[in-house]
Amino acid sequence: MTEHMTSARATPAAATPAPGKLLPPSELARLWALSDPQLWILIFKGDVVVGGVVPDDGRRRWWRLFTRPGWRHVLALAAIGAEDRPLTMVVDPVAGRMLVRIDPRPLGDAVRDELAAGGWALAVPVPAGLAQAPVYRPIYTCAGVMAHLVGLRSWRVLTPRQLYRRLRREGARPILSAPTPGGVELKGEG
């Protein structure tokens, strides 16, 4: 039963078994590794951008009272898929819901486009496996969701700027640029 439930998590369409067939355990392990990113790229934005558009309906957003200009939103990108078919998972928590989509481009291209629109980025390595104990988040914010996504053990991170500063203290590396197709160049020493 566990094998059947796990095989439903397979990401690449080419590796999906025919109905009624289970994948061999070696293939399941390979696909599981592809669906559990070990590196997330967090993009910090000056404002919330949904579908390339900054929502401006004239309403005052409550969360803007607690954020600094230039530090209004954060979203995450991670490489998934096989080497021959690289994909990028985008996790974008916006007010009242969570947008999760698969970008058909390699991670480096997606990061380069996000940074071209403005903002800052951090490369955040995530240890494999599950956390030992849950961390309860007091309020749904984009920064709180991202802290949970990368396994940050602090409930006090509520704003994108707090998240950025905390992750930098924990060793996350800022991204300088993404000059090569599919590649991400990191600032600092390797």
Protein backbone atom coordinates (compact mmCIF):
# COMPACT_ATOMS: atom_id res chain seq x y z
CA MET A 1 0.00 0.00 0.00
CA THR A 2 2.83 2.39 0.78
CA GLU A 3 4.46 1.74 -2.60
CA HIS A 4 1.21 2.53 -4.40
CA MET A 5 0.68 5.76 -2.46
CA THR A 6 4.27 6.83 -3.01
CA SER A 7 4.16 6.12 -6.74
CA ALA A 8 1.39 8.71 -7.10
CA ARG A 9 3.97 11.40 -6.14
CA ALA A 10 6.05 10.73 -9.24
CA THR A 11 6.69 14.02 -11.02
CA PRO A 12 7.97 13.36 -14.54
CA ALA A 13 5.16 12.21 -16.81
CA ALA A 14 7.45 9.84 -18.73
CA ALA A 15 8.14 7.83 -15.56
CA THR A 16 4.49 7.49 -14.56
CA PRO A 17 3.52 3.82 -14.66
CA ALA A 18 0.65 2.49 -16.70
CA PRO A 19 -2.60 2.12 -14.73
CA GLY A 20 -2.40 -0.86 -12.40
CA LYS A 21 1.42 -1.08 -12.60
CA LEU A 22 3.75 -0.09 -9.76
CA LEU A 23 7.16 1.42 -10.24
CA PRO A 24 10.13 -0.62 -9.00
CA PRO A 25 11.57 0.57 -5.66
CA SER A 26 14.76 1.89 -7.30
CA GLU A 27 12.70 4.13 -9.61
CA LEU A 28 10.54 5.29 -6.69
CA ALA A 29 13.63 6.36 -4.76
CA ARG A 30 14.94 8.32 -7.77
CA LEU A 31 11.59 10.06 -8.34
CA TRP A 32 11.19 10.83 -4.63
CA ALA A 33 14.59 12.55 -4.64
CA LEU A 34 13.47 14.68 -7.59
CA SER A 35 10.30 15.77 -5.80
CA ASP A 36 12.08 16.75 -2.55
CA PRO A 37 14.19 19.80 -3.42
CA GLN A 38 17.37 20.23 -1.40
CA LEU A 39 17.86 23.85 -2.53
CA TRP A 40 15.23 26.58 -2.60
CA ILE A 41 15.77 29.99 -4.16
CA LEU A 42 13.80 32.62 -2.24
CA ILE A 43 13.00 35.78 -4.21
CA PHE A 44 12.30 38.89 -2.12
CA LYS A 45 10.18 41.50 -3.91
CA GLY A 46 9.32 45.12 -3.33
CA ASP A 47 5.63 44.32 -3.78
CA VAL A 48 3.28 41.39 -4.40
CA VAL A 49 3.24 40.42 -8.06
CA VAL A 50 0.57 37.98 -9.24
CA GLY A 51 0.86 36.85 -12.83
CA GLY A 52 3.31 39.66 -13.60
CA VAL A 53 0.89 42.34 -12.33
CA VAL A 54 1.05 44.29 -9.06
CA PRO A 55 -2.54 44.31 -7.76
CA ASP A 56 -3.65 47.92 -7.44
CA ASP A 57 -7.35 48.11 -6.77
CA GLY A 58 -7.09 51.20 -4.59
CA ARG A 59 -7.58 49.24 -1.35
CA ARG A 60 -5.13 49.60 1.47
CA ARG A 61 -3.48 46.28 2.27
CA TRP A 62 -3.30 45.57 6.02
CA TRP A 63 0.01 43.76 5.76
CA ARG A 64 1.75 46.81 4.28
CA LEU A 65 1.64 48.38 7.75
CA PHE A 66 4.08 45.72 8.98
CA THR A 67 6.47 45.54 6.02
CA ARG A 68 9.19 47.91 4.87
CA PRO A 69 9.24 49.43 1.39
CA GLY A 70 11.21 47.13 -0.87
CA TRP A 71 10.46 44.13 1.37
CA ARG A 72 6.77 43.42 0.70
CA HIS A 73 6.75 39.84 -0.58
CA VAL A 74 8.74 36.61 -0.88
CA LEU A 75 8.25 33.55 -3.09
CA ALA A 76 10.26 30.37 -3.66
CA LEU A 77 11.61 28.47 -6.65
CA ALA A 78 13.19 25.01 -6.78
CA ALA A 79 14.53 22.73 -9.49
CA ILE A 80 12.52 19.57 -10.01
CA GLY A 81 12.29 17.05 -12.80
CA ALA A 82 14.86 14.91 -14.51
CA GLU A 83 18.18 16.10 -15.95
CA ASP A 84 16.87 15.69 -19.49
CA ARG A 85 13.67 17.59 -18.64
CA PRO A 86 14.41 20.27 -16.01
CA LEU A 87 11.44 22.05 -14.51
CA THR A 88 11.01 24.71 -11.84
CA MET A 89 8.47 24.58 -9.02
CA VAL A 90 7.21 28.02 -7.97
CA VAL A 91 5.55 28.47 -4.55
CA ASP A 92 3.93 31.89 -4.18
CA PRO A 93 1.82 32.55 -1.05
CA VAL A 94 -0.52 35.46 -1.66
CA ALA A 95 -3.29 36.88 0.51
CA GLY A 96 -5.79 34.17 1.25
CA ARG A 97 -4.31 31.40 -0.89
CA MET A 98 -1.21 29.56 -2.06
CA LEU A 99 -0.20 29.57 -5.72
CA VAL A 100 1.90 26.56 -6.71
CA ARG A 101 2.86 26.07 -10.33
CA ILE A 102 5.36 24.25 -12.48
CA ASP A 103 7.43 26.45 -14.78
CA PRO A 104 8.66 24.53 -17.86
CA ARG A 105 12.02 26.35 -17.81
CA PRO A 106 15.18 25.40 -15.92
CA LEU A 107 15.68 26.98 -12.50
CA GLY A 108 18.38 29.41 -13.65
CA ASP A 109 16.17 30.88 -16.36
CA ALA A 110 13.23 31.33 -13.97
CA VAL A 111 15.46 32.96 -11.33
CA ARG A 112 17.04 35.28 -13.89
CA ASP A 113 13.59 36.45 -15.05
CA GLU A 114 12.39 37.02 -11.48
CA LEU A 115 15.50 39.04 -10.64
CA ALA A 116 15.18 41.05 -13.86
CA ALA A 117 11.81 42.26 -12.54
CA GLY A 118 13.61 43.51 -9.40
CA GLY A 119 14.29 42.09 -5.99
CA TRP A 120 16.84 40.04 -4.08
CA ALA A 121 17.40 36.31 -3.93
CA LEU A 122 18.84 33.84 -1.45
CA ALA A 123 19.92 30.26 -2.08
CA VAL A 124 18.69 28.26 0.91
CA PRO A 125 19.87 24.65 1.31
CA VAL A 126 17.30 22.43 3.00
CA PRO A 127 18.29 19.28 4.89
CA ALA A 128 16.70 16.08 3.66
CA GLY A 129 13.96 14.44 5.70
CA LEU A 130 11.32 15.76 8.02
CA ALA A 131 11.67 18.16 10.93
CA GLN A 132 11.77 16.62 14.38
CA ALA A 133 8.89 18.67 15.75
CA PRO A 134 6.36 21.04 14.23
CA VAL A 135 6.74 24.80 14.50
CA TYR A 136 3.46 26.63 14.87
CA ARG A 137 3.09 29.84 12.89
CA PRO A 138 0.87 32.48 14.54
CA ILE A 139 -0.27 34.14 11.30
CA TYR A 140 -0.37 33.33 7.59
CA THR A 141 2.21 35.55 5.88
CA CYS A 142 4.36 34.93 2.82
CA ALA A 143 7.45 35.02 5.06
CA GLY A 144 5.94 32.54 7.53
CA VAL A 145 5.08 30.13 4.72
CA MET A 146 8.60 30.38 3.27
CA ALA A 147 10.14 29.86 6.73
CA HIS A 148 8.06 26.71 7.06
CA LEU A 149 8.98 25.59 3.53
CA VAL A 150 12.73 25.73 4.20
CA GLY A 151 12.45 24.31 7.73
CA LEU A 152 13.36 27.45 9.66
CA ARG A 153 12.79 26.74 13.35
CA SER A 154 11.41 30.13 14.38
CA TRP A 155 7.83 31.26 14.76
CA ARG A 156 8.90 34.91 15.11
CA VAL A 157 9.61 35.41 11.40
CA LEU A 158 6.61 37.34 10.05
CA THR A 159 7.95 39.73 7.40
CA PRO A 160 10.14 39.19 4.32
CA ARG A 161 12.90 41.36 5.78
CA GLN A 162 12.94 39.36 9.03
CA LEU A 163 13.11 36.15 6.99
CA TYR A 164 15.98 37.46 4.84
CA ARG A 165 18.02 38.55 7.85
CA ARG A 166 17.42 35.30 9.74
CA LEU A 167 18.33 33.14 6.75
CA ARG A 168 21.52 35.16 6.16
CA ARG A 169 22.51 34.54 9.80
CA GLU A 170 21.87 30.83 9.24
CA GLY A 171 24.16 30.73 6.19
CA ALA A 172 21.88 31.27 3.17
CA ARG A 173 23.83 32.74 0.27
CA PRO A 174 22.71 35.71 -1.83
CA ILE A 175 22.45 35.17 -5.57
CA LEU A 176 24.40 37.62 -7.67
CA SER A 177 23.24 36.58 -11.13
CA ALA A 178 22.23 33.67 -13.32
CA PRO A 179 24.37 34.15 -16.44
CA THR A 180 24.20 30.67 -17.95
CA PRO A 181 21.06 28.91 -19.17
CA GLY A 182 19.85 26.71 -16.34
CA GLY A 183 22.70 27.71 -14.01
CA VAL A 184 22.65 29.89 -10.92
CA GLU A 185 25.82 31.72 -9.95
CA LEU A 186 26.17 32.37 -6.24
CA LYS A 187 27.82 35.39 -4.67
CA GLY A 188 30.78 34.58 -2.44
CA GLU A 189 32.99 31.57 -2.12
CA GLY A 190 31.83 28.12 -3.22
